Protein backbone atom coordinates (compact mmCIF):
# COMPACT_ATOMS: atom_id res chain seq x y z
CA MET A 1 12.95 -5.69 23.26
CA ARG A 2 14.20 -6.86 19.93
CA ASP A 3 15.29 -5.03 17.00
CA LEU A 4 12.37 -4.43 14.74
CA ARG A 5 14.65 -4.23 11.64
CA SER A 6 15.10 -7.76 11.89
CA LEU A 7 11.62 -8.75 12.39
CA PRO A 8 10.68 -10.25 8.81
CA LYS A 9 7.69 -8.10 7.46
CA ALA A 10 5.09 -8.01 4.64
CA HIS A 11 4.46 -4.31 3.24
CA LEU A 12 0.97 -4.22 1.38
CA HIS A 13 0.14 -0.60 1.03
CA VAL A 14 3.03 1.56 -0.13
CA HIS A 15 3.12 3.66 -3.28
CA LEU A 16 6.33 3.61 -5.19
CA GLU A 17 6.07 7.32 -6.00
CA SER A 18 5.69 8.40 -2.37
CA THR A 19 9.13 6.65 -1.44
CA VAL A 20 11.32 8.52 -3.77
CA ARG A 21 14.38 9.58 -1.81
CA PRO A 22 14.72 13.22 -0.96
CA GLU A 23 17.98 13.45 -2.35
CA THR A 24 16.76 11.50 -5.83
CA VAL A 25 13.86 14.36 -5.88
CA ARG A 26 16.67 16.95 -5.65
CA GLU A 27 18.94 15.42 -8.46
CA LEU A 28 15.76 14.83 -10.66
CA GLY A 29 15.07 18.79 -10.52
CA GLY A 30 12.63 18.88 -7.78
CA GLN A 31 12.18 20.22 -3.97
CA PRO A 32 11.51 17.49 -1.16
CA GLU A 33 8.28 18.35 0.56
CA PRO A 34 8.94 19.84 4.18
CA GLU A 35 7.95 17.38 6.93
CA GLY A 36 4.60 17.70 8.68
CA THR A 37 0.87 17.21 8.35
CA PHE A 38 -1.04 18.30 4.92
CA ALA A 39 -3.79 20.60 5.38
CA SER A 40 -6.26 18.54 3.19
CA PHE A 41 -6.37 15.65 1.03
CA ARG A 42 -5.85 17.59 -1.91
CA GLU A 43 -2.68 19.47 -0.78
CA PHE A 44 -1.34 15.70 -0.33
CA GLY A 45 -2.26 14.60 -3.87
CA ASP A 46 -0.94 17.64 -5.29
CA ALA A 47 2.31 17.01 -3.29
CA ARG A 48 2.69 13.62 -4.69
CA ALA A 49 1.88 14.96 -8.26
CA ARG A 50 4.84 17.15 -8.43
CA VAL A 51 7.08 14.10 -7.50
CA ARG A 52 5.61 12.00 -10.39
CA GLY A 53 6.09 14.84 -12.81
CA LEU A 54 9.81 14.57 -12.00
CA LEU A 55 9.70 11.06 -13.65
CA ARG A 56 10.51 11.15 -17.22
CA THR A 57 12.80 8.60 -18.54
CA ALA A 58 13.33 4.66 -18.08
CA GLU A 59 16.38 5.38 -16.05
CA HIS A 60 14.34 7.49 -13.30
CA PHE A 61 11.77 4.75 -12.89
CA ARG A 62 14.27 2.12 -12.75
CA ARG A 63 16.36 3.94 -10.29
CA ILE A 64 13.51 4.58 -7.90
CA ALA A 65 12.41 0.90 -8.02
CA VAL A 66 16.09 -0.31 -7.21
CA GLU A 67 16.40 2.41 -4.36
CA PHE A 68 12.90 1.29 -3.17
CA CYS A 69 14.20 -2.24 -2.67
CA GLU A 70 17.18 -1.20 -0.84
CA ASP A 71 15.19 0.98 1.60
CA GLU A 72 12.45 -1.48 2.43
CA ALA A 73 15.54 -4.28 3.04
CA ALA A 74 16.86 -2.18 5.59
CA GLN A 75 13.57 -1.82 7.32
CA GLY A 76 13.25 -5.90 7.74
CA THR A 77 10.59 -6.01 4.82
CA ARG A 78 10.92 -9.60 3.05
CA TYR A 79 7.81 -9.21 0.85
CA VAL A 80 6.43 -6.39 -0.78
CA GLU A 81 3.16 -5.63 -2.77
CA VAL A 82 4.26 -2.02 -4.30
CA THR A 83 1.51 0.17 -5.73
CA PHE A 84 2.43 2.11 -8.82
CA THR A 85 0.33 4.14 -10.93
CA ALA A 86 1.61 3.01 -14.49
CA ALA A 87 -1.19 4.09 -17.03
CA SER A 88 -1.06 7.61 -15.71
CA HIS A 89 2.84 7.88 -16.10
CA GLY A 90 2.49 6.33 -19.76
CA GLU A 91 -0.32 8.40 -20.69
CA ARG A 92 1.70 11.42 -19.63
CA LEU A 93 4.94 10.78 -21.32
CA GLY A 94 3.29 9.25 -24.62
CA GLN A 95 4.87 5.76 -23.61
CA PRO A 96 2.05 3.45 -22.57
CA GLU A 97 4.64 0.58 -21.68
CA MET A 98 7.74 2.39 -20.53
CA PRO A 99 7.21 3.27 -16.98
CA LEU A 100 6.06 0.01 -15.73
CA GLU A 101 8.53 -2.11 -17.67
CA ALA A 102 11.13 0.23 -16.35
CA VAL A 103 9.87 -0.42 -12.99
CA LEU A 104 9.71 -4.06 -12.92
CA GLU A 105 13.51 -4.09 -14.19
CA GLY A 106 14.15 -1.87 -11.33
CA LEU A 107 12.53 -4.26 -8.64
CA ALA A 108 14.16 -7.29 -10.43
CA GLU A 109 17.16 -5.85 -10.03
CA GLY A 110 16.91 -4.48 -6.75
CA GLY A 111 14.94 -7.51 -5.25
CA ALA A 112 17.81 -9.76 -6.38
CA ARG A 113 20.56 -7.22 -4.65
CA TYR A 114 18.95 -6.67 -1.45
CA GLY A 115 17.00 -10.16 -0.94
CA ILE A 116 13.65 -8.92 -1.20
CA GLU A 117 10.49 -10.54 -2.79
CA TRP A 118 8.19 -8.34 -4.46
CA ARG A 119 4.64 -8.16 -6.63
CA VAL A 120 3.30 -5.08 -8.08
CA LEU A 121 -0.37 -3.52 -7.79
CA LEU A 122 -1.57 -0.98 -10.06
CA ASP A 123 -3.77 1.73 -8.96
CA HIS A 124 -6.04 4.53 -10.68
CA SER A 125 -7.36 7.58 -9.33
CA ARG A 126 -11.17 7.67 -8.80
CA ARG A 127 -11.09 11.16 -10.34
CA ARG A 128 -9.79 9.86 -13.66
CA PRO A 129 -11.71 8.47 -16.50
CA VAL A 130 -12.87 4.73 -16.67
CA GLU A 131 -10.88 4.40 -20.06
CA ARG A 132 -7.60 4.59 -18.11
CA LEU A 133 -8.59 2.16 -15.67
CA TRP A 134 -9.25 -0.34 -18.75
CA ARG A 135 -5.73 0.63 -19.85
CA THR A 136 -4.29 -0.07 -16.28
CA PHE A 137 -6.25 -3.46 -16.36
CA LYS A 138 -4.61 -4.58 -19.89
CA LEU A 139 -1.12 -3.55 -18.47
CA ALA A 140 -1.87 -5.88 -15.35
CA THR A 141 -2.59 -8.73 -17.59
CA ARG A 142 0.42 -8.38 -19.59
CA HIS A 143 2.80 -9.15 -16.71
CA ASP A 144 2.96 -11.76 -14.36
CA ALA A 145 4.90 -9.88 -11.48
CA VAL A 146 1.66 -7.55 -11.69
CA ILE A 147 -0.80 -9.20 -9.54
CA GLY A 148 -3.80 -6.91 -9.17
CA ILE A 149 -5.15 -3.60 -9.32
CA GLY A 150 -7.14 -1.07 -7.21
CA LEU A 151 -8.88 2.25 -6.96
CA ALA A 152 -7.37 5.08 -5.10
CA GLY A 153 -7.74 8.66 -4.09
CA ASP A 154 -10.66 10.94 -3.00
CA GLU A 155 -13.83 8.59 -1.98
CA SER A 156 -16.10 11.47 -2.95
CA HIS A 157 -16.02 9.97 -6.27
CA LEU A 158 -17.62 6.79 -6.35
CA LEU A 159 -16.64 3.32 -7.57
CA GLY A 160 -20.06 2.63 -9.75
CA PRO A 161 -18.65 3.70 -12.89
CA PHE A 162 -15.74 1.49 -12.68
CA ALA A 163 -17.76 -1.75 -11.89
CA GLU A 164 -17.44 -3.21 -15.28
CA VAL A 165 -13.62 -2.95 -14.95
CA CYS A 166 -13.71 -4.64 -11.50
CA ASP A 167 -15.71 -7.42 -12.76
CA ALA A 168 -13.43 -8.10 -15.62
CA ALA A 169 -10.42 -7.93 -13.41
CA ARG A 170 -12.00 -10.60 -11.10
CA ASP A 171 -12.78 -12.83 -13.83
CA ALA A 172 -9.13 -12.60 -15.18
CA GLY A 173 -7.81 -13.59 -11.88
CA LEU A 174 -6.44 -10.50 -10.79
CA ARG A 175 -6.65 -9.47 -7.10
CA LEU A 176 -8.48 -6.35 -6.05
CA THR A 177 -7.83 -3.90 -3.18
CA HIS A 178 -9.32 -0.46 -3.03
CA HIS A 179 -8.81 2.49 -0.97
CA ALA A 180 -12.00 2.80 1.28
CA GLY A 181 -12.80 4.11 4.62
CA GLU A 182 -9.90 6.20 4.50
CA THR A 183 -11.45 9.67 3.86
CA ALA A 184 -15.00 8.34 3.80
CA GLY A 185 -17.22 5.84 5.77
CA ALA A 186 -18.98 2.85 5.80
CA ALA A 187 -20.81 3.33 2.56
CA SER A 188 -17.51 3.72 0.66
CA ILE A 189 -16.30 0.63 2.45
CA ARG A 190 -19.38 -1.33 1.33
CA GLU A 191 -19.21 -0.16 -2.29
CA ALA A 192 -15.49 -1.47 -2.44
CA LEU A 193 -16.81 -4.86 -1.43
CA ASP A 194 -19.90 -5.22 -3.41
CA VAL A 195 -19.09 -3.01 -6.41
CA GLY A 196 -15.07 -3.34 -6.29
CA HIS A 197 -14.85 -7.20 -5.16
CA ALA A 198 -12.16 -6.09 -2.58
CA GLU A 199 -10.20 -8.64 -1.07
CA ARG A 200 -8.46 -6.30 1.06
CA LEU A 201 -9.20 -2.81 2.16
CA GLY A 202 -6.82 0.25 1.71
CA HIS A 203 -6.94 2.19 5.25
CA GLY A 204 -10.48 0.86 6.09
CA ILE A 205 -10.17 2.56 9.36
CA ARG A 206 -13.77 4.11 9.01
CA VAL A 207 -15.29 0.43 9.20
CA LEU A 208 -15.95 1.09 13.07
CA ASP A 209 -18.63 3.44 12.08
CA ASP A 210 -20.87 0.86 11.42
CA ASP A 211 -21.36 -2.30 13.67
CA ALA A 212 -22.81 -4.56 10.96
CA LEU A 213 -20.23 -3.74 8.74
CA VAL A 214 -17.52 -4.69 11.25
CA ALA A 215 -19.23 -8.15 12.00
CA GLU A 216 -19.42 -8.76 8.12
CA VAL A 217 -15.56 -7.83 7.59
CA ARG A 218 -14.50 -9.85 10.44
CA GLU A 219 -16.62 -12.77 9.46
CA ARG A 220 -15.34 -12.76 5.73
CA GLY A 221 -11.64 -12.37 6.77
CA ILE A 222 -11.23 -8.78 4.87
CA PRO A 223 -7.88 -7.62 5.83
CA LEU A 224 -7.38 -3.88 6.77
CA GLU A 225 -4.08 -2.08 5.55
CA VAL A 226 -3.75 0.30 7.89
CA CYS A 227 -1.20 3.16 7.72
CA PRO A 228 -1.28 4.99 11.14
CA THR A 229 1.32 7.52 10.52
CA SER A 230 0.02 8.41 7.15
CA ASN A 231 -3.66 8.90 8.57
CA VAL A 232 -2.12 11.49 11.32
CA LEU A 233 -0.21 13.53 8.40
CA LEU A 234 -3.29 13.55 6.46
CA GLY A 235 -5.33 14.81 9.34
CA LEU A 236 -7.68 11.95 9.20
CA VAL A 237 -6.99 11.50 12.91
CA PRO A 238 -5.67 13.93 15.29
CA SER A 239 -2.57 12.01 16.65
CA LEU A 240 -1.35 8.72 16.98
CA ALA A 241 -2.42 8.17 20.27
CA ALA A 242 -5.80 8.70 19.23
CA HIS A 243 -5.74 6.26 16.05
CA PRO A 244 -8.27 3.58 16.06
CA LEU A 245 -5.93 1.04 15.65
CA PRO A 246 -6.40 -0.81 19.09
CA ARG A 247 -10.18 -0.65 18.57
CA LEU A 248 -9.94 -2.23 15.32
CA ARG A 249 -7.73 -5.12 16.97
CA ALA A 250 -10.18 -5.34 19.73
CA ALA A 251 -12.86 -5.69 17.32
CA GLY A 252 -11.30 -8.95 16.01
CA LEU A 253 -10.39 -7.59 12.65
CA ALA A 254 -7.49 -8.63 10.44
CA VAL A 255 -5.09 -5.78 10.92
CA THR A 256 -1.89 -5.31 8.84
CA ILE A 257 0.62 -2.32 9.34
CA ASN A 258 1.71 -0.41 6.29
CA THR A 259 3.12 3.15 5.49
CA ASP A 260 1.58 4.44 2.70
CA GLY A 261 5.00 5.55 1.68
CA GLU A 262 5.00 8.15 4.26
CA THR A 263 7.55 6.77 6.74
CA ALA A 264 9.63 3.59 7.13
CA LEU A 265 8.06 0.08 8.06
CA ALA A 266 10.36 -0.67 11.06
CA ASP A 267 9.82 3.05 12.60
CA GLU A 268 5.98 2.54 12.09
CA TYR A 269 5.90 -0.56 14.33
CA ALA A 270 8.41 0.96 16.71
CA ARG A 271 5.82 3.92 16.84
CA LEU A 272 3.18 1.61 17.83
CA ARG A 273 5.62 -0.04 20.50
CA GLU A 274 5.96 3.56 21.87
CA VAL A 275 2.44 4.88 21.56
CA PHE A 276 0.38 1.80 22.40
CA GLY A 277 2.60 -0.32 24.60
CA TYR A 278 2.60 -3.22 22.29
CA GLY A 279 5.33 -5.78 23.18
CA ASP A 280 7.14 -7.93 21.01
CA ALA A 281 4.65 -10.81 20.74
CA ASP A 282 2.05 -7.89 19.86
CA LEU A 283 4.18 -6.71 16.91
CA ALA A 284 4.96 -10.16 15.78
CA ASP A 285 1.16 -11.07 15.67
CA LEU A 286 0.90 -7.74 13.53
CA ALA A 287 3.66 -9.11 11.26
CA ARG A 288 2.17 -12.41 10.90
CA THR A 289 -1.08 -10.88 9.85
CA SER A 290 0.44 -9.21 7.16
CA ILE A 291 1.86 -12.08 5.97
CA ASP A 292 -1.28 -14.07 5.87
CA ALA A 293 -3.31 -10.99 4.24
CA SER A 294 -0.64 -10.89 1.39
CA PHE A 295 -1.17 -12.50 -1.80
CA ALA A 296 2.11 -14.01 -1.57
CA PRO A 297 2.52 -17.79 -2.67
CA GLU A 298 1.76 -20.00 0.23
CA GLY A 299 5.40 -21.24 0.51
CA LEU A 300 6.56 -17.92 0.83
CA LYS A 301 4.28 -17.02 3.58
CA SER A 302 5.42 -20.17 5.43
CA ARG A 303 8.99 -19.08 5.27
CA LEU A 304 8.16 -15.77 6.44
CA ARG A 305 6.09 -16.83 9.18
CA ALA A 306 8.85 -19.08 10.25
CA GLY A 307 11.11 -16.15 10.53
CA VAL A 308 8.60 -14.11 12.67
CA ASN A 309 8.54 -17.10 15.02
CA ALA A 310 12.39 -17.22 15.03
CA TRP A 311 12.61 -13.63 15.86
CA LEU A 312 10.05 -14.05 18.85
CA GLU A 313 11.76 -17.07 20.39
CA SER A 314 15.44 -15.31 19.78
């Protein structure tokens, strides 16, 4: 079995604020969350809000971005599309531009130091006002390294109120990927596609609830950003062995492997090897799918695919 840390990987669904190192949390005055599952999606959200509240200065944001690059590179990530809730931080701190500018500075430093390519996606909680998503949209249009936006959070809050912003983002050439089919079913996915113009589905594991939707997502080539360990920790599936990942692949869907920020990427691949018996060819196929599904330039995709092939042939 080949070393999964040397498998070149693209990481498409990871929230920067969920990757803050425990020692960094302590140094910023907080207490790391104990390991284990969350009792509810709200408990999970509250835990992440406590970490976000520790980030107060440009140096804090720059630091977590540099450390993120180091940690991702150690896992074999060669390209990452990291999600950041920029407008929320800017509003909280009364400095609309600072958090994103500091994160971009840290990613540039860390990417160069650790040899990792990156782009940024900005997210917005479905529970929060439409006006904040407009601010997110405007932030995204000001920075070339920000390539898209998306809606996240509790899917009981519908996408309809955000339709105009999604239209504007599509028309401006921003990429769109929304959390859907994580805590809700097929109707949420349908809304993400039709109202949100989603090019990828964040999680999307509930697509299997509707055979017609499975067929459409497959035929349209809409990739799923699947985060198996996160789904277990949030109580969305009872165990990794019970995860629908094998059925999603068997249905011919484009499945990408991600962490949501709840584990390390090579460790996630290792769990799939252990629990589902995936061999190196399966894992290389998952890595290629993540590369293909990324919003990376085609030249970078070609180099990453060549790296996956070299890993499999080694």
